[in-house]
Amino acid sequence: MSYESFTLEKDGHVANMTLCRGESFNTMTKKFWIELPEILNEINRDPDLRAVVMSSTGKHFCAGMDLANFDNGVDNISPEKKPDHARVGEVMYRVAKELQGYITNIETIRAPVIAAIQGGCIGGALDMVTACDIRLCTKDAFFCIQEINIGMAADVGTLQRLPRLIPEGKVRDLAYTGRRMMAEEAKECGLVNEVYDSHEAMLEAADAMAKEIASKSPVAIYGLKEVLNYSRDHTVKDGLEYNALWSGAMLSSKDMGEAMQAKMEKRETSFDKMVAVKKYDETGS
């Protein structure tokens, strides 16, 4: 597929998913939100892909929501025809849930997603990168919970995921003040794994990390992502139970044998690709 807000390139087992509207600071337009689940679904359905690098073009990684492109469908209705408060609130609820779902897709695709961030990562962009598995950034990067600066509370994922990544007191500071957290502070508190001097150096590091991940058993990597996400959101007891069930169902003796044999023979591993899932329209169903 072709996209307006993204480009998608495949390098072996690695997907390079790039926000491509750098001249507009990669703002999240309506088209962006339509295409985000589509491109993630394309990646998830490709049995060859095992890791994703999400990067960007231009000065800023993403300046967040393009508010000019959003309309809840009721603001321009004449007062005498406008729905009551409860119905307006309900449609706003559904819009928020829909956007939340698009972001959650990043967490639920089987391949780990590495975010490579330069410049501003603002508002909805922060929602997006907190759903990624790993974050890298350049020394000029900054992060901002922008919503408070426009008179609203963030509602698409930052307030739920960021406290799992950095101290809660830091989250509250950022959420209440709307200030910018610069790259070094982001590394110190654990939001990003590493800071790089240039965009090029960061992309090289992200690519190397993605290729290292892609060299491992794709079944094992999927299991790691699933179990880590589940355990984060549940008790230790529940996480252990889920881990045991997953291992019982998904442990690949073939991949384990290949990993050990490759190590003994001092060669690169060669794992089978995942099984493709056909779309309903491809099967005639």
C-alpha atoms as a PDB file:
ATOM      1  CA  MET A   1       0.000   0.000   0.000  1.00  0.00           C
ATOM      2  CA  SER A   2       0.981   3.640  -0.400  1.00  0.00           C
ATOM      3  CA  TYR A   3       0.430   6.240   2.291  1.00  0.00           C
ATOM      4  CA  GLU A   4       0.408  10.033   2.549  1.00  0.00           C
ATOM      5  CA  SER A   5       1.583  10.383   6.146  1.00  0.00           C
ATOM      6  CA  PHE A   6       4.076   7.506   6.155  1.00  0.00           C
ATOM      7  CA  THR A   7       6.525   5.627   4.032  1.00  0.00           C
ATOM      8  CA  LEU A   8       7.118   1.925   4.604  1.00  0.00           C
ATOM      9  CA  GLU A   9      10.330   0.226   3.525  1.00  0.00           C
ATOM     10  CA  LYS A  10      11.288  -3.363   4.277  1.00  0.00           C
ATOM     11  CA  ASP A  11      14.942  -4.284   4.809  1.00  0.00           C
ATOM     12  CA  GLY A  12      15.107  -8.025   5.301  1.00  0.00           C
ATOM     13  CA  HIS A  13      13.188  -8.714   8.500  1.00  0.00           C
ATOM     14  CA  VAL A  14      13.037  -5.035   9.546  1.00  0.00           C
ATOM     15  CA  ALA A  15      10.227  -2.599   8.718  1.00  0.00           C
ATOM     16  CA  ASN A  16      11.176   1.069   8.474  1.00  0.00           C
ATOM     17  CA  MET A  17       8.000   3.065   9.155  1.00  0.00           C
ATOM     18  CA  THR A  18       8.691   6.763   8.617  1.00  0.00           C
ATOM     19  CA  LEU A  19       6.492   9.806   9.227  1.00  0.00           C
ATOM     20  CA  CYS A  20       7.027  11.685   5.970  1.00  0.00           C
ATOM     21  CA  ARG A  21       5.350  15.105   6.342  1.00  0.00           C
ATOM     22  CA  GLY A  22       8.370  16.857   7.777  1.00  0.00           C
ATOM     23  CA  GLU A  23       7.460  20.179   6.203  1.00  0.00           C
ATOM     24  CA  SER A  24       4.311  20.156   8.361  1.00  0.00           C
ATOM     25  CA  PHE A  25       6.133  18.852  11.448  1.00  0.00           C
ATOM     26  CA  ASN A  26       4.347  15.516  10.895  1.00  0.00           C
ATOM     27  CA  THR A  27       1.196  16.732  12.612  1.00  0.00           C
ATOM     28  CA  MET A  28      -1.467  14.093  13.223  1.00  0.00           C
ATOM     29  CA  THR A  29      -4.131  14.915  10.651  1.00  0.00           C
ATOM     30  CA  LYS A  30      -7.264  12.892   9.997  1.00  0.00           C
ATOM     31  CA  LYS A  31      -5.367  11.101   7.234  1.00  0.00           C
ATOM     32  CA  PHE A  32      -2.625  10.225   9.714  1.00  0.00           C
ATOM     33  CA  TRP A  33      -5.143   8.534  12.012  1.00  0.00           C
ATOM     34  CA  ILE A  34      -6.712   6.627   9.122  1.00  0.00           C
ATOM     35  CA  GLU A  35      -3.330   5.394   7.917  1.00  0.00           C
ATOM     36  CA  LEU A  36      -1.759   4.527  11.293  1.00  0.00           C
ATOM     37  CA  PRO A  37      -3.776   1.328  11.876  1.00  0.00           C
ATOM     38  CA  GLU A  38      -3.522   0.441   8.187  1.00  0.00           C
ATOM     39  CA  ILE A  39       0.276   0.535   8.107  1.00  0.00           C
ATOM     40  CA  LEU A  40       0.562  -1.315  11.420  1.00  0.00           C
ATOM     41  CA  ASN A  41      -1.789  -3.986  10.106  1.00  0.00           C
ATOM     42  CA  GLU A  42       0.309  -4.327   6.949  1.00  0.00           C
ATOM     43  CA  ILE A  43       3.416  -4.819   9.086  1.00  0.00           C
ATOM     44  CA  ASN A  44       1.696  -7.273  11.418  1.00  0.00           C
ATOM     45  CA  ARG A  45       0.413  -9.410   8.529  1.00  0.00           C
ATOM     46  CA  ASP A  46       3.836  -9.718   6.881  1.00  0.00           C
ATOM     47  CA  PRO A  47       5.322 -13.045   8.061  1.00  0.00           C
ATOM     48  CA  ASP A  48       8.860 -11.898   7.215  1.00  0.00           C
ATOM     49  CA  LEU A  49       8.898  -8.823   9.455  1.00  0.00           C
ATOM     50  CA  ARG A  50      10.282  -9.185  12.991  1.00  0.00           C
ATOM     51  CA  ALA A  51      11.129  -5.649  14.154  1.00  0.00           C
ATOM     52  CA  VAL A  52      10.015  -2.093  13.361  1.00  0.00           C
ATOM     53  CA  VAL A  53      11.857   1.228  13.386  1.00  0.00           C
ATOM     54  CA  MET A  54       9.464   4.172  13.645  1.00  0.00           C
ATOM     55  CA  SER A  55      11.288   7.324  12.618  1.00  0.00           C
ATOM     56  CA  SER A  56      10.490  10.698  11.126  1.00  0.00           C
ATOM     57  CA  THR A  57      11.571  13.396   8.703  1.00  0.00           C
ATOM     58  CA  GLY A  58      12.184  17.103   9.163  1.00  0.00           C
ATOM     59  CA  LYS A  59      13.006  19.214  12.209  1.00  0.00           C
ATOM     60  CA  HIS A  60      10.527  17.547  14.582  1.00  0.00           C
ATOM     61  CA  PHE A  61       9.538  13.939  15.098  1.00  0.00           C
ATOM     62  CA  CYS A  62       5.876  14.943  15.428  1.00  0.00           C
ATOM     63  CA  ALA A  63       4.155  18.120  16.641  1.00  0.00           C
ATOM     64  CA  GLY A  64       1.073  16.226  17.787  1.00  0.00           C
ATOM     65  CA  MET A  65      -2.567  16.686  16.885  1.00  0.00           C
ATOM     66  CA  ASP A  66      -3.535  18.926  13.981  1.00  0.00           C
ATOM     67  CA  LEU A  67      -6.532  20.452  15.738  1.00  0.00           C
ATOM     68  CA  ALA A  68      -7.765  22.099  12.530  1.00  0.00           C
ATOM     69  CA  ASN A  69      -8.583  18.659  11.188  1.00  0.00           C
ATOM     70  CA  PHE A  70     -10.807  17.558  14.036  1.00  0.00           C
ATOM     71  CA  ASP A  71     -14.533  18.088  14.241  1.00  0.00           C
ATOM     72  CA  ASN A  72     -16.820  16.184  16.552  1.00  0.00           C
ATOM     73  CA  GLY A  73     -19.723  16.732  14.160  1.00  0.00           C
ATOM     74  CA  VAL A  74     -21.780  18.890  16.528  1.00  0.00           C
ATOM     75  CA  ASP A  75     -19.873  22.159  16.959  1.00  0.00           C
ATOM     76  CA  ASN A  76     -21.316  23.722  13.804  1.00  0.00           C
ATOM     77  CA  ILE A  77     -24.923  22.649  14.396  1.00  0.00           C
ATOM     78  CA  SER A  78     -27.369  25.450  15.139  1.00  0.00           C
ATOM     79  CA  PRO A  79     -28.334  25.716  18.836  1.00  0.00           C
ATOM     80  CA  GLU A  80     -31.934  24.628  18.276  1.00  0.00           C
ATOM     81  CA  LYS A  81     -30.779  21.415  16.545  1.00  0.00           C
ATOM     82  CA  LYS A  82     -27.753  20.692  18.691  1.00  0.00           C
ATOM     83  CA  PRO A  83     -27.900  17.430  20.704  1.00  0.00           C
ATOM     84  CA  ASP A  84     -28.064  17.633  24.481  1.00  0.00           C
ATOM     85  CA  HIS A  85     -24.953  17.582  26.656  1.00  0.00           C
ATOM     86  CA  ALA A  86     -25.117  13.838  27.271  1.00  0.00           C
ATOM     87  CA  ARG A  87     -25.114  13.024  23.550  1.00  0.00           C
ATOM     88  CA  VAL A  88     -22.283  15.457  22.821  1.00  0.00           C
ATOM     89  CA  GLY A  89     -20.282  13.920  25.659  1.00  0.00           C
ATOM     90  CA  GLU A  90     -20.949  10.421  24.372  1.00  0.00           C
ATOM     91  CA  VAL A  91     -19.639  11.196  20.893  1.00  0.00           C
ATOM     92  CA  MET A  92     -16.494  12.764  22.389  1.00  0.00           C
ATOM     93  CA  TYR A  93     -16.045   9.584  24.426  1.00  0.00           C
ATOM     94  CA  ARG A  94     -16.222   7.474  21.270  1.00  0.00           C
ATOM     95  CA  VAL A  95     -13.705   9.690  19.467  1.00  0.00           C
ATOM     96  CA  ALA A  96     -11.233   9.369  22.358  1.00  0.00           C
ATOM     97  CA  LYS A  97     -11.692   5.597  22.480  1.00  0.00           C
ATOM     98  CA  GLU A  98     -11.110   5.335  18.738  1.00  0.00           C
ATOM     99  CA  LEU A  99      -7.853   7.298  18.899  1.00  0.00           C
ATOM    100  CA  GLN A 100      -6.734   5.302  21.938  1.00  0.00           C
ATOM    101  CA  GLY A 101      -7.290   2.128  19.953  1.00  0.00           C
ATOM    102  CA  TYR A 102      -5.122   3.329  17.083  1.00  0.00           C
ATOM    103  CA  ILE A 103      -2.244   3.991  19.493  1.00  0.00           C
ATOM    104  CA  THR A 104      -2.735   0.652  21.246  1.00  0.00           C
ATOM    105  CA  ASN A 105      -2.145  -1.087  17.911  1.00  0.00           C
ATOM    106  CA  ILE A 106       1.546  -0.221  18.325  1.00  0.00           C
ATOM    107  CA  GLU A 107       1.614  -2.273  21.521  1.00  0.00           C
ATOM    108  CA  THR A 108      -0.328  -5.207  20.146  1.00  0.00           C
ATOM    109  CA  ILE A 109       1.463  -5.937  16.861  1.00  0.00           C
ATOM    110  CA  ARG A 110       3.811  -8.873  17.378  1.00  0.00           C
ATOM    111  CA  ALA A 111       7.013  -7.124  16.267  1.00  0.00           C
ATOM    112  CA  PRO A 112       8.798  -4.838  18.755  1.00  0.00           C
ATOM    113  CA  VAL A 113       8.710  -1.157  17.739  1.00  0.00           C
ATOM    114  CA  ILE A 114      11.732   1.110  18.220  1.00  0.00           C
ATOM    115  CA  ALA A 115      10.938   4.841  18.159  1.00  0.00           C
ATOM    116  CA  ALA A 116      13.736   7.074  16.820  1.00  0.00           C
ATOM    117  CA  ILE A 117      12.900  10.642  17.891  1.00  0.00           C
ATOM    118  CA  GLN A 118      14.417  13.955  16.804  1.00  0.00           C
ATOM    119  CA  GLY A 119      13.280  17.463  17.738  1.00  0.00           C
ATOM    120  CA  GLY A 120       9.825  17.828  19.238  1.00  0.00           C
ATOM    121  CA  CYS A 121       7.740  14.903  20.412  1.00  0.00           C
ATOM    122  CA  ILE A 122       4.614  16.769  21.427  1.00  0.00           C
ATOM    123  CA  GLY A 123       1.123  15.894  22.648  1.00  0.00           C
ATOM    124  CA  GLY A 124      -0.272  12.976  20.654  1.00  0.00           C
ATOM    125  CA  ALA A 125       3.242  12.069  19.543  1.00  0.00           C
ATOM    126  CA  LEU A 126       4.137  11.329  23.153  1.00  0.00           C
ATOM    127  CA  ASP A 127       1.053   9.126  23.390  1.00  0.00           C
ATOM    128  CA  MET A 128       2.407   7.251  20.376  1.00  0.00           C
ATOM    129  CA  VAL A 129       6.004   6.725  21.498  1.00  0.00           C
ATOM    130  CA  THR A 130       5.005   5.592  24.991  1.00  0.00           C
ATOM    131  CA  ALA A 131       3.261   2.664  23.254  1.00  0.00           C
ATOM    132  CA  CYS A 132       6.532   1.691  21.547  1.00  0.00           C
ATOM    133  CA  ASP A 133       8.840  -0.940  23.030  1.00  0.00           C
ATOM    134  CA  ILE A 134      12.053   1.102  22.954  1.00  0.00           C
ATOM    135  CA  ARG A 135      12.783   4.803  22.499  1.00  0.00           C
ATOM    136  CA  LEU A 136      15.960   6.478  21.211  1.00  0.00           C
ATOM    137  CA  CYS A 137      16.432  10.201  20.617  1.00  0.00           C
ATOM    138  CA  THR A 138      18.800  12.891  19.414  1.00  0.00           C
ATOM    139  CA  LYS A 139      20.347  15.455  21.740  1.00  0.00           C
ATOM    140  CA  ASP A 140      17.992  18.170  20.404  1.00  0.00           C
ATOM    141  CA  ALA A 141      14.862  16.122  21.194  1.00  0.00           C
ATOM    142  CA  PHE A 142      12.266  17.245  23.701  1.00  0.00           C
ATOM    143  CA  PHE A 143       9.035  15.774  25.035  1.00  0.00           C
ATOM    144  CA  CYS A 144       5.919  17.699  26.021  1.00  0.00           C
ATOM    145  CA  ILE A 145       2.493  16.770  27.406  1.00  0.00           C
ATOM    146  CA  GLN A 146       1.029  19.606  25.385  1.00  0.00           C
ATOM    147  CA  GLU A 147      -2.641  19.127  26.195  1.00  0.00           C
ATOM    148  CA  ILE A 148      -2.617  21.205  29.391  1.00  0.00           C
ATOM    149  CA  ASN A 149      -1.307  24.144  27.343  1.00  0.00           C
ATOM    150  CA  ILE A 150      -4.506  24.130  25.280  1.00  0.00           C
ATOM    151  CA  GLY A 151      -6.808  23.701  28.258  1.00  0.00           C
ATOM    152  CA  MET A 152      -7.446  19.971  28.318  1.00  0.00           C
ATOM    153  CA  ALA A 153      -6.164  16.777  29.915  1.00  0.00           C
ATOM    154  CA  ALA A 154      -4.245  14.302  27.767  1.00  0.00           C
ATOM    155  CA  ASP A 155      -6.578  11.409  26.905  1.00  0.00           C
ATOM    156  CA  VAL A 156      -5.016   9.109  24.300  1.00  0.00           C
ATOM    157  CA  GLY A 157      -2.531   7.109  26.399  1.00  0.00           C
ATOM    158  CA  THR A 158       0.247   9.244  27.871  1.00  0.00           C
ATOM    159  CA  LEU A 159      -1.303   9.432  31.356  1.00  0.00           C
ATOM    160  CA  GLN A 160      -1.664   5.644  31.432  1.00  0.00           C
ATOM    161  CA  ARG A 161       1.651   4.537  29.911  1.00  0.00           C
ATOM    162  CA  LEU A 162       4.133   7.222  30.950  1.00  0.00           C
ATOM    163  CA  PRO A 163       3.850   6.402  34.695  1.00  0.00           C
ATOM    164  CA  ARG A 164       4.953   2.847  33.814  1.00  0.00           C
ATOM    165  CA  LEU A 165       8.112   4.270  32.224  1.00  0.00           C
ATOM    166  CA  ILE A 166       9.219   7.144  34.475  1.00  0.00           C
ATOM    167  CA  PRO A 167       8.569   8.187  38.108  1.00  0.00           C
ATOM    168  CA  GLU A 168       5.009   9.309  38.788  1.00  0.00           C
ATOM    169  CA  GLY A 169       6.155  12.597  40.291  1.00  0.00           C
ATOM    170  CA  LYS A 170       7.907  13.417  37.032  1.00  0.00           C
ATOM    171  CA  VAL A 171       4.774  12.545  35.068  1.00  0.00           C
ATOM    172  CA  ARG A 172       2.671  14.863  37.209  1.00  0.00           C
ATOM    173  CA  ASP A 173       5.207  17.658  36.807  1.00  0.00           C
ATOM    174  CA  LEU A 174       5.089  17.329  33.017  1.00  0.00           C
ATOM    175  CA  ALA A 175       1.307  16.889  32.864  1.00  0.00           C
ATOM    176  CA  TYR A 176       0.472  19.844  35.139  1.00  0.00           C
ATOM    177  CA  THR A 177       3.013  22.324  33.753  1.00  0.00           C
ATOM    178  CA  GLY A 178       3.170  21.389  30.055  1.00  0.00           C
ATOM    179  CA  ARG A 179       6.892  22.069  30.134  1.00  0.00           C
ATOM    180  CA  ARG A 180       9.435  20.535  27.794  1.00  0.00           C
ATOM    181  CA  MET A 181      11.539  17.634  29.027  1.00  0.00           C
ATOM    182  CA  MET A 182      14.832  17.709  27.158  1.00  0.00           C
ATOM    183  CA  ALA A 183      16.761  14.694  25.892  1.00  0.00           C
ATOM    184  CA  GLU A 184      19.203  14.277  28.790  1.00  0.00           C
ATOM    185  CA  GLU A 185      16.423  14.485  31.365  1.00  0.00           C
ATOM    186  CA  ALA A 186      14.442  11.939  29.342  1.00  0.00           C
ATOM    187  CA  LYS A 187      17.401   9.561  29.492  1.00  0.00           C
ATOM    188  CA  GLU A 188      18.040  10.165  33.190  1.00  0.00           C
ATOM    189  CA  CYS A 189      14.473   9.220  34.109  1.00  0.00           C
ATOM    190  CA  GLY A 190      14.306   6.235  31.750  1.00  0.00           C
ATOM    191  CA  LEU A 191      11.996   7.434  28.997  1.00  0.00           C
ATOM    192  CA  VAL A 192      14.678   6.908  26.338  1.00  0.00           C
ATOM    193  CA  ASN A 193      17.413   4.288  26.239  1.00  0.00           C
ATOM    194  CA  GLU A 194      20.075   6.460  24.620  1.00  0.00           C
ATOM    195  CA  VAL A 195      20.734   9.962  23.269  1.00  0.00           C
ATOM    196  CA  TYR A 196      22.662  10.504  20.014  1.00  0.00           C
ATOM    197  CA  ASP A 197      24.511  13.502  18.610  1.00  0.00           C
ATOM    198  CA  SER A 198      22.812  13.372  15.216  1.00  0.00           C
ATOM    199  CA  HIS A 199      19.753  12.034  13.439  1.00  0.00           C
ATOM    200  CA  GLU A 200      21.968   9.838  11.290  1.00  0.00           C
ATOM    201  CA  ALA A 201      23.748   8.267  14.282  1.00  0.00           C
ATOM    202  CA  MET A 202      20.397   7.575  15.951  1.00  0.00           C
ATOM    203  CA  LEU A 203      18.968   5.887  12.855  1.00  0.00           C
ATOM    204  CA  GLU A 204      22.086   3.745  12.509  1.00  0.00           C
ATOM    205  CA  ALA A 205      21.732   2.649  16.132  1.00  0.00           C
ATOM    206  CA  ALA A 206      18.010   1.965  15.719  1.00  0.00           C
ATOM    207  CA  ASP A 207      18.656  -0.084  12.592  1.00  0.00           C
ATOM    208  CA  ALA A 208      21.391  -2.099  14.313  1.00  0.00           C
ATOM    209  CA  MET A 209      19.138  -2.773  17.292  1.00  0.00           C
ATOM    210  CA  ALA A 210      16.235  -3.793  15.041  1.00  0.00           C
ATOM    211  CA  LYS A 211      18.453  -6.173  13.069  1.00  0.00           C
ATOM    212  CA  GLU A 212      19.755  -7.701  16.299  1.00  0.00           C
ATOM    213  CA  ILE A 213      16.166  -8.288  17.460  1.00  0.00           C
ATOM    214  CA  ALA A 214      15.241  -9.668  14.031  1.00  0.00           C
ATOM    215  CA  SER A 215      18.079 -12.212  14.258  1.00  0.00           C
ATOM    216  CA  LYS A 216      16.343 -13.932  17.186  1.00  0.00           C
ATOM    217  CA  SER A 217      13.517 -16.450  17.074  1.00  0.00           C
ATOM    218  CA  PRO A 218      10.420 -14.518  15.918  1.00  0.00           C
ATOM    219  CA  VAL A 219       8.201 -16.788  18.020  1.00  0.00           C
ATOM    220  CA  ALA A 220      10.284 -16.078  21.129  1.00  0.00           C
ATOM    221  CA  ILE A 221      10.328 -12.319  20.462  1.00  0.00           C
ATOM    222  CA  TYR A 222       6.542 -12.278  20.060  1.00  0.00           C
ATOM    223  CA  GLY A 223       6.227 -14.218  23.301  1.00  0.00           C
ATOM    224  CA  LEU A 224       8.485 -11.772  25.116  1.00  0.00           C
ATOM    225  CA  LYS A 225       6.441  -8.794  23.954  1.00  0.00           C
ATOM    226  CA  GLU A 226       3.133 -10.424  24.894  1.00  0.00           C
ATOM    227  CA  VAL A 227       4.283 -11.567  28.325  1.00  0.00           C
ATOM    228  CA  LEU A 228       5.984  -8.254  29.164  1.00  0.00           C
ATOM    229  CA  ASN A 229       2.877  -6.270  28.221  1.00  0.00           C
ATOM    230  CA  TYR A 230       0.562  -8.620  30.109  1.00  0.00           C
ATOM    231  CA  SER A 231       2.759  -8.674  33.209  1.00  0.00           C
ATOM    232  CA  ARG A 232       2.976  -4.873  33.251  1.00  0.00           C
ATOM    233  CA  ASP A 233      -0.800  -4.639  33.471  1.00  0.00           C
ATOM    234  CA  HIS A 234      -1.422  -7.490  35.935  1.00  0.00           C
ATOM    235  CA  THR A 235      -0.222  -8.858  39.265  1.00  0.00           C
ATOM    236  CA  VAL A 236       2.964 -10.895  39.531  1.00  0.00           C
ATOM    237  CA  LYS A 237       0.875 -14.024  40.150  1.00  0.00           C
ATOM    238  CA  ASP A 238      -1.252 -13.411  37.045  1.00  0.00           C
ATOM    239  CA  GLY A 239       1.844 -12.619  34.992  1.00  0.00           C
ATOM    240  CA  LEU A 240       3.550 -15.862  36.018  1.00  0.00           C
ATOM    241  CA  GLU A 241       0.442 -17.881  35.159  1.00  0.00           C
ATOM    242  CA  TYR A 242       0.191 -16.218  31.732  1.00  0.00           C
ATOM    243  CA  ASN A 243       3.917 -16.774  31.138  1.00  0.00           C
ATOM    244  CA  ALA A 244       3.599 -20.472  31.914  1.00  0.00           C
ATOM    245  CA  LEU A 245       0.572 -20.852  29.653  1.00  0.00           C
ATOM    246  CA  TRP A 246       2.291 -18.983  26.814  1.00  0.00           C
ATOM    247  CA  SER A 247       5.404 -21.140  27.115  1.00  0.00           C
ATOM    248  CA  GLY A 248       3.307 -24.284  27.098  1.00  0.00           C
ATOM    249  CA  ALA A 249       1.516 -23.198  23.942  1.00  0.00           C
ATOM    250  CA  MET A 250       4.204 -21.334  21.994  1.00  0.00           C
ATOM    251  CA  LEU A 251       7.612 -22.768  22.958  1.00  0.00           C
ATOM    252  CA  SER A 252       9.346 -23.741  19.709  1.00  0.00           C
ATOM    253  CA  SER A 253      11.725 -26.679  20.095  1.00  0.00           C
ATOM    254  CA  LYS A 254      12.756 -26.141  16.470  1.00  0.00           C
ATOM    255  CA  ASP A 255      13.830 -22.547  17.117  1.00  0.00           C
ATOM    256  CA  MET A 256      15.597 -23.545  20.336  1.00  0.00           C
ATOM    257  CA  GLY A 257      17.503 -26.243  18.476  1.00  0.00           C
ATOM    258  CA  GLU A 258      18.473 -23.808  15.720  1.00  0.00           C
ATOM    259  CA  ALA A 259      19.663 -21.197  18.231  1.00  0.00           C
ATOM    260  CA  MET A 260      21.860 -23.696  20.069  1.00  0.00           C
ATOM    261  CA  GLN A 261      23.184 -25.294  16.875  1.00  0.00           C
ATOM    262  CA  ALA A 262      24.083 -21.899  15.377  1.00  0.00           C
ATOM    263  CA  LYS A 263      25.944 -20.959  18.552  1.00  0.00           C
ATOM    264  CA  MET A 264      27.964 -24.185  18.530  1.00  0.00           C
ATOM    265  CA  GLU A 265      28.758 -23.787  14.835  1.00  0.00           C
ATOM    266  CA  LYS A 266      29.531 -20.060  15.290  1.00  0.00           C
ATOM    267  CA  ARG A 267      27.193 -18.989  12.498  1.00  0.00           C
ATOM    268  CA  GLU A 268      24.165 -16.761  12.122  1.00  0.00           C
ATOM    269  CA  THR A 269      20.781 -18.218  12.969  1.00  0.00           C
ATOM    270  CA  SER A 270      18.187 -19.050  10.335  1.00  0.00           C
ATOM    271  CA  PHE A 271      14.633 -19.197  11.633  1.00  0.00           C
ATOM    272  CA  ASP A 272      11.482 -19.973   9.667  1.00  0.00           C
ATOM    273  CA  LYS A 273       9.234 -17.011   8.971  1.00  0.00           C
ATOM    274  CA  MET A 274       5.925 -16.695  10.753  1.00  0.00           C
ATOM    275  CA  VAL A 275       2.783 -18.053   9.104  1.00  0.00           C
ATOM    276  CA  ALA A 276       0.874 -15.493   7.064  1.00  0.00           C
ATOM    277  CA  VAL A 277      -2.733 -14.806   7.991  1.00  0.00           C
ATOM    278  CA  LYS A 278      -4.835 -14.206   4.892  1.00  0.00           C
ATOM    279  CA  LYS A 279      -7.432 -11.495   4.812  1.00  0.00           C
ATOM    280  CA  TYR A 280     -11.031 -12.642   4.492  1.00  0.00           C
ATOM    281  CA  ASP A 281     -11.307 -11.192   1.001  1.00  0.00           C
ATOM    282  CA  GLU A 282      -8.270 -13.248  -0.059  1.00  0.00           C
ATOM    283  CA  THR A 283      -9.940 -16.502   0.951  1.00  0.00           C
ATOM    284  CA  GLY A 284     -13.355 -15.728  -0.508  1.00  0.00           C
ATOM    285  CA  SER A 285     -14.977 -15.779   2.925  1.00  0.00           C
END
